[in-house]
Amino acid sequence: MNDLKASVAAAASGMQSQANRLRHVSENIANTDTPGYRRKLASFEAVMDGGQATGTVRSGRVSLDQTALPMIYDPAHPMADETGHYQGSNVDLVIEIADAREAQRSYDANLKMFDQARQMSRSLLELLRR
């Protein structure tokens, strides 16, 4: 029964981490046109207990993408400098959509693992009742 509990914990931690990743992706998409906005990157860490890996993960520190911000020419923009340029966002919608799809598929895989462990525990309880 302990293995089933561990698999449910691993699936739940994976779903939580992917949900956090999706939150950052949606923030990136929402700020695509925000001048000076840097893309947020989510990371994951393995959870350790007494130096041993537990099989679960958690969201790590959020970092900002350090790629150069594009210079956009628009002399009418309020943030434009004397040359008519301002810093745009380094968010690429194609990359964000791909990241969102990957996070969604990882979430779905963890959900299936969670459901499978739940069905296995239900089957085990049925066998023990007999």
Protein backbone atom coordinates (compact mmCIF):
# COMPACT_ATOMS: atom_id res chain seq x y z
CA MET A 1 0.00 0.00 0.00
CA ASN A 2 2.98 2.28 0.61
CA ASP A 3 4.00 2.07 -3.06
CA LEU A 4 0.52 3.18 -4.12
CA LYS A 5 0.74 6.13 -1.72
CA ALA A 6 4.13 7.07 -3.17
CA SER A 7 2.85 6.90 -6.74
CA VAL A 8 -0.14 9.09 -5.87
CA ALA A 9 2.21 11.59 -4.19
CA ALA A 10 4.50 11.63 -7.24
CA ALA A 11 1.57 12.19 -9.60
CA ALA A 12 0.10 14.93 -7.41
CA SER A 13 3.42 16.76 -7.15
CA GLY A 14 3.86 16.53 -10.92
CA MET A 15 0.40 17.98 -11.51
CA GLN A 16 1.07 20.84 -9.09
CA SER A 17 4.42 21.64 -10.72
CA GLN A 18 2.95 21.60 -14.22
CA ALA A 19 0.07 23.82 -13.07
CA ASN A 20 2.65 26.34 -11.78
CA ARG A 21 4.48 26.12 -15.10
CA LEU A 22 1.24 26.82 -16.97
CA ARG A 23 0.65 29.85 -14.75
CA HIS A 24 4.03 31.29 -15.75
CA VAL A 25 3.39 30.56 -19.42
CA SER A 26 0.05 32.37 -19.22
CA GLU A 27 1.73 35.35 -17.53
CA ASN A 28 4.28 35.42 -20.35
CA ILE A 29 1.55 35.34 -22.99
CA ALA A 30 -0.38 38.10 -21.21
CA ASN A 31 2.72 40.32 -21.18
CA THR A 32 3.81 39.74 -24.78
CA ASP A 33 3.30 43.42 -25.65
CA THR A 34 4.55 44.85 -22.33
CA PRO A 35 7.68 46.95 -22.96
CA GLY A 36 10.73 45.69 -21.08
CA TYR A 37 9.05 42.44 -19.96
CA ARG A 38 11.37 39.45 -19.61
CA ARG A 39 10.02 35.95 -20.10
CA LYS A 40 9.67 33.86 -16.91
CA LEU A 41 11.21 30.38 -16.93
CA ALA A 42 9.94 27.69 -14.57
CA SER A 43 12.24 25.04 -13.17
CA PHE A 44 11.67 21.82 -11.23
CA GLU A 45 13.53 20.27 -8.30
CA ALA A 46 13.49 16.73 -7.01
CA VAL A 47 12.26 16.54 -3.41
CA MET A 48 14.78 14.95 -1.08
CA ASP A 49 14.08 13.40 2.32
CA GLY A 50 17.12 12.65 4.39
CA GLY A 51 19.34 12.63 1.31
CA GLN A 52 17.09 10.16 -0.50
CA ALA A 53 14.97 11.07 -3.52
CA THR A 54 11.26 10.75 -2.75
CA GLY A 55 10.15 10.50 -6.37
CA THR A 56 8.25 13.76 -6.11
CA VAL A 57 9.04 17.14 -7.62
CA ARG A 58 8.31 20.75 -6.78
CA SER A 59 8.54 24.00 -8.62
CA GLY A 60 11.96 25.57 -8.28
CA ARG A 61 12.95 29.19 -8.48
CA VAL A 62 11.53 31.23 -11.29
CA SER A 63 14.21 32.82 -13.44
CA LEU A 64 14.00 35.49 -16.09
CA ASP A 65 15.09 34.86 -19.66
CA GLN A 66 18.26 36.90 -20.17
CA THR A 67 18.10 37.07 -23.95
CA ALA A 68 18.37 40.58 -25.30
CA LEU A 69 15.19 42.61 -25.45
CA PRO A 70 14.36 43.73 -28.98
CA MET A 71 14.60 47.42 -29.75
CA ILE A 72 11.39 48.61 -31.37
CA TYR A 73 11.23 51.76 -33.43
CA ASP A 74 8.16 53.84 -32.63
CA PRO A 75 8.86 57.55 -32.06
CA ALA A 76 5.24 58.09 -30.91
CA HIS A 77 5.53 55.57 -28.05
CA PRO A 78 5.73 57.24 -24.61
CA MET A 79 8.73 55.07 -23.61
CA ALA A 80 10.72 55.84 -26.77
CA ASP A 81 14.14 57.41 -26.30
CA GLU A 82 15.57 60.29 -28.31
CA THR A 83 16.22 57.95 -31.27
CA GLY A 84 12.59 56.73 -31.27
CA HIS A 85 13.39 53.23 -29.91
CA TYR A 86 12.13 51.41 -26.83
CA GLN A 87 12.77 47.93 -25.42
CA GLY A 88 10.11 45.38 -26.29
CA SER A 89 9.39 42.01 -24.70
CA ASN A 90 11.46 38.87 -25.29
CA VAL A 91 8.34 36.65 -25.25
CA ASP A 92 7.85 34.53 -28.39
CA LEU A 93 4.26 33.30 -28.71
CA VAL A 94 5.26 30.18 -30.65
CA ILE A 95 7.59 29.09 -27.84
CA GLU A 96 4.98 29.88 -25.18
CA ILE A 97 2.29 27.89 -26.97
CA ALA A 98 4.69 24.94 -27.32
CA ASP A 99 5.57 25.19 -23.61
CA ALA A 100 1.87 25.33 -22.71
CA ARG A 101 1.15 22.25 -24.78
CA GLU A 102 4.08 20.36 -23.20
CA ALA A 103 2.95 21.33 -19.69
CA GLN A 104 -0.62 20.27 -20.47
CA ARG A 105 0.50 16.89 -21.78
CA SER A 106 2.74 16.33 -18.75
CA TYR A 107 -0.18 17.27 -16.49
CA ASP A 108 -2.41 14.79 -18.33
CA ALA A 109 0.20 12.03 -17.97
CA ASN A 110 0.42 12.66 -14.22
CA LEU A 111 -3.37 12.67 -14.00
CA LYS A 112 -3.52 9.28 -15.72
CA MET A 113 -0.89 7.93 -13.32
CA PHE A 114 -2.91 9.29 -10.39
CA ASP A 115 -6.10 7.69 -11.72
CA GLN A 116 -4.33 4.37 -12.35
CA ALA A 117 -2.99 4.29 -8.76
CA ARG A 118 -6.47 5.07 -7.46
CA GLN A 119 -7.97 2.23 -9.49
CA MET A 120 -5.28 -0.15 -8.28
CA SER A 121 -5.94 0.74 -4.65
CA ARG A 122 -9.68 0.26 -5.18
CA SER A 123 -9.01 -3.17 -6.71
CA LEU A 124 -6.76 -4.07 -3.80
CA LEU A 125 -9.45 -3.13 -1.30
CA GLU A 126 -11.99 -5.23 -3.21
CA LEU A 127 -9.64 -8.22 -3.04
CA LEU A 128 -9.11 -7.74 0.69
CA ARG A 129 -12.86 -7.61 1.34
CA ARG A 130 -13.37 -11.09 -0.11
